[in-house]
Amino acid sequence: MPKSDRLSEWGITHPIVQAPMVGVSTPQLAAAVSNAGALGSIGLGASTPEQGRELIRQTKALTGNPFNVNMFCHRPAVFDHARNEAWLKYLSGFFAEFEGVPPTVLKEIYKSFVDDRAMLEMLVEEKPAVVSFHFGAPPAQWIEELKSAGIYTMGCATTLSEARQLEQAGAQAIVAQGYEAGGHRGVFDDGFGKDQQMGLFALLRVIVAAVDLPVIAAGGIMEGAGINAAMMLGASACQLGTAFILCPESCATPEHREALKGPKAHQTRVTSYLSGRPARGIPNRLYLESGADRVPLPAEYPLAYDAAKALHGAASAKGCHDFAAQWAGQGAPLARELPAQRLVQVLVEEMQAASRFSHS
């Protein structure tokens, strides 16, 4: 069976996946995409099992079609107190600027799925059509439990090594995430300098040639022609995130939306200082890489994110949004402000037009 044909198990019409963006995706967005014949997604990385159950049920109430539920599989925080305290000390100047006080204790605001058996049990009970993994993979036995419940599983890889680890763990498809992609890099090892930073097309070809699973291309794809190009290179489908941020169904902030419509959309960069893990977005005052020789390591993920959110809260209370996380990929200038269902239709029309042109 060709790799692309195996995705028919999803029950979708179009080879388009809306990326699961915590802080942007909503049940309304996922349902609209799924109702249009693509695969909508919600992210549960910031949710408790009961909150996750509620989000799944909200989405099910809005669509009878398949949708994807995404889990964070990062290494649980080890609480390196010296590193975390050094980071808080460094941030204290920013807090003082807004008459704020940095937190005295950093919290693990996102619990890893690999450390959350209750979340697994909830997923097995609720049975969403697809469950995907970011930052790594859960134990192979957990993946087997999901599959035994009739759930299709896929994991994000930024290298061939990560793709092979996902294949060995039992995942049924690979999301090949190029360096162009917005939001958090799916790297398994988030140590400084460990990210191989492979662009999508090279990564896609390397994984497709070596792994016997369907591969979903992700990173900088915003239009139908880009979808066709990735599929010509062996992708079975394409995952788009930034393309959906301006949809009215997303919960992106007004400031995030405005940034995507202006010149800042051309300037996306990857930083580890905002959350403790590398992520691509529209630069703010915590994108400190250019001064890395004078800046300490950020607190580990997700503890650094706890500090950044507190700083954003202090600054925004004073009317300043210079510390907001505004994730976006390199294709951000191509974002369109369309209802999600219409955007899927436009993408499909563009795919068809580009296909006709290439055969004329």
Protein backbone atom coordinates (compact mmCIF):
# COMPACT_ATOMS: atom_id res chain seq x y z
CA MET A 1 0.00 0.00 0.00
CA PRO A 2 1.48 3.42 -0.94
CA LYS A 3 2.35 5.57 2.06
CA SER A 4 -0.19 8.26 1.13
CA ASP A 5 -3.02 5.72 0.94
CA ARG A 6 -2.52 4.75 4.58
CA LEU A 7 -3.83 8.17 5.64
CA SER A 8 -7.26 7.10 4.39
CA GLU A 9 -7.62 5.64 7.87
CA TRP A 10 -8.17 9.21 9.06
CA GLY A 11 -11.29 9.53 6.96
CA ILE A 12 -10.32 12.95 5.55
CA THR A 13 -10.83 14.25 2.01
CA HIS A 14 -7.93 16.68 1.65
CA PRO A 15 -4.23 16.10 2.58
CA ILE A 16 -4.19 19.12 4.89
CA VAL A 17 -3.62 19.12 8.65
CA GLN A 18 -4.21 22.24 10.77
CA ALA A 19 -1.36 22.34 13.27
CA PRO A 20 -2.26 21.96 16.97
CA MET A 21 -1.20 25.33 18.36
CA VAL A 22 -1.68 25.72 22.12
CA GLY A 23 -2.81 29.28 22.74
CA VAL A 24 -4.22 29.65 19.20
CA SER A 25 -6.15 26.49 18.31
CA THR A 26 -9.71 26.14 19.58
CA PRO A 27 -12.43 23.50 19.23
CA GLN A 28 -14.14 25.93 16.84
CA LEU A 29 -11.05 26.14 14.60
CA ALA A 30 -10.41 22.39 14.62
CA ALA A 31 -14.05 21.60 13.89
CA ALA A 32 -14.26 24.09 11.02
CA VAL A 33 -11.16 22.58 9.41
CA SER A 34 -12.44 19.03 9.88
CA ASN A 35 -15.87 19.97 8.54
CA ALA A 36 -14.11 21.25 5.41
CA GLY A 37 -12.63 17.79 4.80
CA ALA A 38 -9.15 18.39 6.24
CA LEU A 39 -7.83 17.36 9.68
CA GLY A 40 -8.38 19.90 12.44
CA SER A 41 -6.31 19.77 15.62
CA ILE A 42 -6.40 20.87 19.24
CA GLY A 43 -3.42 20.97 21.57
CA LEU A 44 -3.70 19.58 25.09
CA GLY A 45 -0.15 20.38 26.20
CA ALA A 46 -1.39 23.01 28.64
CA SER A 47 -4.40 21.01 29.85
CA THR A 48 -5.19 18.70 32.74
CA PRO A 49 -6.92 15.42 31.83
CA GLU A 50 -10.31 16.86 32.72
CA GLN A 51 -9.69 20.06 30.78
CA GLY A 52 -8.55 17.91 27.87
CA ARG A 53 -11.71 15.81 28.08
CA GLU A 54 -13.82 18.96 27.94
CA LEU A 55 -11.94 20.30 24.89
CA ILE A 56 -12.33 16.98 23.07
CA ARG A 57 -16.05 16.90 23.83
CA GLN A 58 -16.49 20.51 22.72
CA THR A 59 -14.82 19.63 19.42
CA LYS A 60 -16.91 16.48 18.98
CA ALA A 61 -20.04 18.57 19.52
CA LEU A 62 -19.04 20.76 16.55
CA THR A 63 -17.92 18.08 14.08
CA GLY A 64 -18.58 14.43 13.40
CA ASN A 65 -15.39 14.23 11.36
CA PRO A 66 -11.95 13.10 12.58
CA PHE A 67 -9.66 15.53 14.39
CA ASN A 68 -6.23 15.38 15.97
CA VAL A 69 -5.31 15.82 19.65
CA ASN A 70 -1.69 16.79 20.36
CA MET A 71 0.39 15.93 23.43
CA PHE A 72 3.70 17.35 24.70
CA CYS A 73 6.23 14.59 25.40
CA HIS A 74 9.13 16.66 26.74
CA ARG A 75 11.50 15.42 29.40
CA PRO A 76 9.94 16.44 32.75
CA ALA A 77 11.74 19.35 34.42
CA VAL A 78 14.60 18.42 36.74
CA PHE A 79 14.59 21.81 38.53
CA ASP A 80 18.19 22.96 38.19
CA HIS A 81 17.89 25.54 40.95
CA ALA A 82 21.16 27.36 40.24
CA ARG A 83 20.23 27.75 36.58
CA ASN A 84 16.67 28.81 37.38
CA GLU A 85 17.72 31.33 40.02
CA ALA A 86 20.30 32.85 37.66
CA TRP A 87 17.59 33.28 35.05
CA LEU A 88 15.18 34.93 37.48
CA LYS A 89 17.94 37.27 38.61
CA TYR A 90 18.59 38.22 34.99
CA LEU A 91 14.88 38.90 34.40
CA SER A 92 14.53 41.00 37.55
CA GLY A 93 15.55 44.14 35.66
CA PHE A 94 12.73 43.62 33.16
CA PHE A 95 10.22 43.11 35.97
CA ALA A 96 11.43 46.25 37.75
CA GLU A 97 10.81 48.26 34.58
CA PHE A 98 7.10 47.52 35.01
CA GLU A 99 7.04 47.68 38.82
CA GLY A 100 6.64 43.91 38.88
CA VAL A 101 8.22 41.25 41.04
CA PRO A 102 9.61 38.06 39.46
CA PRO A 103 8.19 34.78 40.79
CA THR A 104 10.17 33.29 43.67
CA VAL A 105 9.41 29.74 42.52
CA LEU A 106 9.08 28.58 38.92
CA LYS A 107 6.31 26.09 38.15
CA GLU A 108 6.14 23.27 35.64
CA ILE A 109 3.13 24.79 33.91
CA TYR A 110 2.98 22.10 31.20
CA LYS A 111 3.04 18.55 32.53
CA SER A 112 4.65 16.10 30.13
CA PHE A 113 2.40 13.42 28.66
CA VAL A 114 5.10 10.84 29.42
CA ASP A 115 4.50 11.56 33.11
CA ASP A 116 0.69 11.67 32.96
CA ARG A 117 -0.95 8.25 32.93
CA ALA A 118 -4.32 9.86 33.71
CA MET A 119 -4.15 11.77 30.40
CA LEU A 120 -3.52 8.52 28.52
CA GLU A 121 -6.53 6.89 30.19
CA MET A 122 -8.70 9.87 29.28
CA LEU A 123 -7.64 9.65 25.62
CA VAL A 124 -8.38 5.92 25.52
CA GLU A 125 -11.85 6.65 26.93
CA GLU A 126 -12.65 9.59 24.63
CA LYS A 127 -11.12 8.00 21.51
CA PRO A 128 -10.27 11.00 19.31
CA ALA A 129 -9.47 9.83 15.77
CA VAL A 130 -5.82 10.93 15.91
CA VAL A 131 -3.34 11.58 18.74
CA SER A 132 -0.02 13.22 17.90
CA PHE A 133 3.17 13.75 19.91
CA HIS A 134 5.56 16.71 20.12
CA PHE A 135 9.03 16.90 21.73
CA GLY A 136 9.42 13.12 21.76
CA ALA A 137 7.35 9.98 22.16
CA PRO A 138 5.58 8.29 25.06
CA PRO A 139 6.46 4.69 25.96
CA ALA A 140 5.78 2.20 23.17
CA GLN A 141 3.23 0.47 25.41
CA TRP A 142 1.25 3.72 25.67
CA ILE A 143 1.21 4.07 21.89
CA GLU A 144 0.00 0.48 21.65
CA GLU A 145 -2.83 1.27 24.09
CA LEU A 146 -3.90 4.22 21.95
CA LYS A 147 -3.80 2.14 18.78
CA SER A 148 -5.75 -0.67 20.49
CA ALA A 149 -8.47 1.88 21.21
CA GLY A 150 -8.70 2.62 17.48
CA ILE A 151 -6.69 5.85 17.67
CA TYR A 152 -4.26 6.73 14.87
CA THR A 153 -0.90 7.97 16.19
CA MET A 154 1.74 10.27 14.71
CA GLY A 155 4.81 12.04 16.03
CA CYS A 156 6.88 15.09 15.11
CA ALA A 157 10.49 14.67 13.96
CA THR A 158 13.12 17.28 13.12
CA THR A 159 15.77 14.68 12.17
CA LEU A 160 15.93 11.20 10.70
CA SER A 161 17.06 9.85 14.09
CA GLU A 162 13.90 11.21 15.73
CA ALA A 163 11.75 9.77 12.93
CA ARG A 164 13.30 6.35 13.46
CA GLN A 165 12.71 6.57 17.21
CA LEU A 166 9.04 7.33 16.56
CA GLU A 167 8.80 4.46 14.08
CA GLN A 168 10.35 2.06 16.60
CA ALA A 169 7.94 3.26 19.30
CA GLY A 170 5.00 2.34 17.06
CA ALA A 171 3.83 5.69 15.67
CA GLN A 172 1.89 5.31 12.43
CA ALA A 173 2.95 8.54 10.71
CA ILE A 174 5.73 11.13 10.99
CA VAL A 175 5.32 14.91 10.96
CA ALA A 176 8.57 16.18 9.39
CA GLN A 177 9.00 19.65 10.91
CA GLY A 178 11.38 21.89 8.99
CA TYR A 179 13.27 24.78 10.56
CA GLU A 180 10.86 27.14 8.77
CA ALA A 181 7.98 26.09 11.03
CA GLY A 182 6.42 28.43 13.57
CA GLY A 183 6.05 27.63 17.24
CA HIS A 184 8.08 25.17 19.24
CA ARG A 185 10.62 23.01 17.49
CA GLY A 186 9.81 19.34 18.01
CA VAL A 187 13.40 18.48 18.93
CA PHE A 188 13.70 15.58 21.38
CA ASP A 189 16.88 17.01 22.94
CA ASP A 190 16.43 20.72 23.69
CA GLY A 191 20.04 21.33 24.77
CA PHE A 192 21.64 24.47 23.37
CA GLY A 193 23.31 23.70 20.03
CA LYS A 194 21.60 20.31 19.65
CA ASP A 195 19.04 21.40 17.03
CA GLN A 196 20.22 20.35 13.55
CA GLN A 197 18.03 23.09 12.02
CA MET A 198 17.18 21.12 8.87
CA GLY A 199 15.00 22.85 6.32
CA LEU A 200 11.79 21.10 5.35
CA PHE A 201 12.61 19.89 1.84
CA ALA A 202 15.93 18.28 2.82
CA LEU A 203 14.40 16.78 5.96
CA LEU A 204 11.39 15.49 4.04
CA ARG A 205 13.48 13.71 1.43
CA VAL A 206 15.78 12.17 4.03
CA ILE A 207 12.89 10.80 6.10
CA VAL A 208 10.78 9.62 3.15
CA ALA A 209 13.75 7.69 1.77
CA ALA A 210 14.50 5.93 5.05
CA VAL A 211 11.26 5.44 6.97
CA ASP A 212 8.39 3.22 5.86
CA LEU A 213 5.63 5.44 7.21
CA PRO A 214 3.50 8.23 5.77
CA VAL A 215 5.22 11.60 6.25
CA ILE A 216 3.37 14.87 6.84
CA ALA A 217 5.37 17.94 5.79
CA ALA A 218 5.39 20.95 8.14
CA GLY A 219 7.19 24.26 7.95
CA GLY A 220 6.51 27.43 5.96
CA ILE A 221 3.69 25.97 3.86
CA MET A 222 0.94 28.56 3.36
CA GLU A 223 -0.56 27.96 -0.10
CA GLY A 224 -1.76 25.18 -2.37
CA ALA A 225 1.35 25.33 -4.53
CA GLY A 226 3.48 24.68 -1.43
CA ILE A 227 1.34 21.68 -0.54
CA ASN A 228 1.78 20.28 -4.04
CA ALA A 229 5.54 20.86 -3.91
CA ALA A 230 5.89 18.96 -0.64
CA MET A 231 3.77 16.11 -1.96
CA MET A 232 5.91 15.94 -5.09
CA LEU A 233 8.83 15.34 -2.73
CA GLY A 234 7.09 12.43 -1.05
CA ALA A 235 4.84 13.95 1.62
CA SER A 236 1.52 12.18 2.14
CA ALA A 237 -0.05 15.37 3.55
CA CYS A 238 0.98 18.81 4.82
CA GLN A 239 0.56 20.43 8.23
CA LEU A 240 -0.09 24.19 8.27
CA GLY A 241 -0.14 26.28 11.43
CA THR A 242 0.63 29.93 10.77
CA ALA A 243 -1.77 29.83 7.82
CA PHE A 244 -4.68 29.43 10.27
CA ILE A 245 -3.72 32.03 12.92
CA LEU A 246 -5.71 34.86 11.29
CA CYS A 247 -8.87 32.74 11.00
CA PRO A 248 -11.66 34.21 13.16
CA GLU A 249 -12.03 30.82 14.88
CA SER A 250 -8.52 30.98 16.37
CA CYS A 251 -7.96 32.57 19.78
CA ALA A 252 -4.87 34.54 18.72
CA THR A 253 -4.66 37.90 20.49
CA PRO A 254 -5.38 41.16 18.65
CA GLU A 255 -1.68 42.05 19.00
CA HIS A 256 -0.61 38.73 17.45
CA ARG A 257 -2.99 39.25 14.56
CA GLU A 258 -1.77 42.78 13.92
CA ALA A 259 1.87 41.66 13.99
CA LEU A 260 1.12 39.01 11.35
CA LYS A 261 -0.38 41.66 9.07
CA GLY A 262 2.59 44.02 9.26
CA PRO A 263 6.34 44.16 8.54
CA LYS A 264 7.20 42.12 11.66
CA ALA A 265 5.81 39.03 9.89
CA HIS A 266 8.94 39.05 7.69
CA GLN A 267 11.28 38.86 10.68
CA THR A 268 10.51 35.55 12.43
CA ARG A 269 13.38 33.99 14.38
CA VAL A 270 14.00 31.05 16.66
CA THR A 271 14.63 31.68 20.35
CA SER A 272 15.06 29.49 23.42
CA TYR A 273 14.86 32.37 25.88
CA LEU A 274 11.09 32.68 25.90
CA SER A 275 10.13 29.17 27.00
CA GLY A 276 13.42 27.31 27.55
CA ARG A 277 13.00 25.40 24.27
CA PRO A 278 13.71 26.61 20.72
CA ALA A 279 10.63 28.11 19.08
CA ARG A 280 10.06 30.36 16.06
CA GLY A 281 8.02 33.50 16.29
CA ILE A 282 7.90 37.24 15.83
CA PRO A 283 10.83 38.64 17.86
CA ASN A 284 10.16 40.40 21.15
CA ARG A 285 12.46 41.70 23.88
CA LEU A 286 13.20 38.17 25.14
CA TYR A 287 14.76 37.09 21.83
CA LEU A 288 18.24 37.46 23.31
CA GLU A 289 20.38 35.30 21.01
CA SER A 290 22.36 38.26 19.64
CA GLY A 291 23.67 38.94 23.14
CA ALA A 292 24.14 35.31 24.09
CA ASP A 293 27.65 35.88 25.46
CA ARG A 294 26.22 38.09 28.21
CA VAL A 295 22.96 36.27 28.84
CA PRO A 296 22.70 33.20 31.13
CA LEU A 297 21.00 30.02 30.03
CA PRO A 298 17.25 30.40 30.38
CA ALA A 299 15.51 28.28 32.98
CA GLU A 300 14.61 24.84 31.65
CA TYR A 301 11.37 24.24 29.76
CA PRO A 302 8.63 24.88 30.77
CA LEU A 303 9.89 26.80 33.82
CA ALA A 304 11.27 29.61 31.64
CA TYR A 305 7.82 29.90 30.06
CA ASP A 306 6.32 30.39 33.52
CA ALA A 307 8.68 33.31 34.09
CA ALA A 308 8.03 34.76 30.61
CA LYS A 309 4.28 34.60 31.10
CA ALA A 310 4.61 36.39 34.45
CA LEU A 311 6.76 39.07 32.80
CA HIS A 312 4.27 39.47 29.96
CA GLY A 313 1.51 39.83 32.57
CA ALA A 314 3.40 42.58 34.40
CA ALA A 315 4.22 44.41 31.16
CA SER A 316 0.76 44.10 29.61
CA ALA A 317 -0.79 45.49 32.81
CA LYS A 318 1.17 48.65 31.95
CA GLY A 319 0.03 48.56 28.32
CA CYS A 320 3.25 47.00 26.98
CA HIS A 321 3.12 43.86 24.81
CA ASP A 322 6.86 43.62 24.12
CA PHE A 323 7.15 40.22 25.84
CA ALA A 324 4.20 38.39 24.26
CA ALA A 325 4.79 35.01 22.62
CA GLN A 326 3.67 35.47 19.03
CA TRP A 327 4.64 32.21 17.34
CA ALA A 328 4.77 32.21 13.55
CA GLY A 329 6.65 30.46 10.75
CA GLN A 330 8.73 31.87 7.91
CA GLY A 331 5.67 31.93 5.65
CA ALA A 332 3.94 34.40 7.99
CA PRO A 333 3.71 37.24 5.42
CA LEU A 334 1.43 34.98 3.35
CA ALA A 335 -1.17 34.54 6.12
CA ARG A 336 -4.74 35.25 5.04
CA GLU A 337 -7.65 36.45 7.12
CA LEU A 338 -10.31 33.96 6.08
CA PRO A 339 -12.78 31.74 7.92
CA ALA A 340 -11.15 28.34 8.42
CA GLN A 341 -13.55 26.43 6.20
CA ARG A 342 -13.06 28.93 3.39
CA LEU A 343 -9.27 28.81 3.82
CA VAL A 344 -9.28 25.04 3.34
CA GLN A 345 -11.39 25.48 0.20
CA VAL A 346 -8.96 28.10 -1.15
CA LEU A 347 -5.97 25.84 -0.43
CA VAL A 348 -7.63 22.98 -2.33
CA GLU A 349 -8.49 25.29 -5.24
CA GLU A 350 -4.85 26.46 -5.32
CA MET A 351 -3.62 22.86 -5.29
CA GLN A 352 -5.85 22.05 -8.24
CA ALA A 353 -4.80 25.16 -10.15
CA ALA A 354 -1.10 24.55 -9.53
CA SER A 355 -1.50 20.94 -10.60
CA ARG A 356 -3.19 21.96 -13.87
CA PHE A 357 -0.42 24.50 -14.55
CA SER A 358 2.33 21.93 -13.97
CA HIS A 359 0.68 19.54 -16.45
CA SER A 360 -0.11 22.11 -19.14
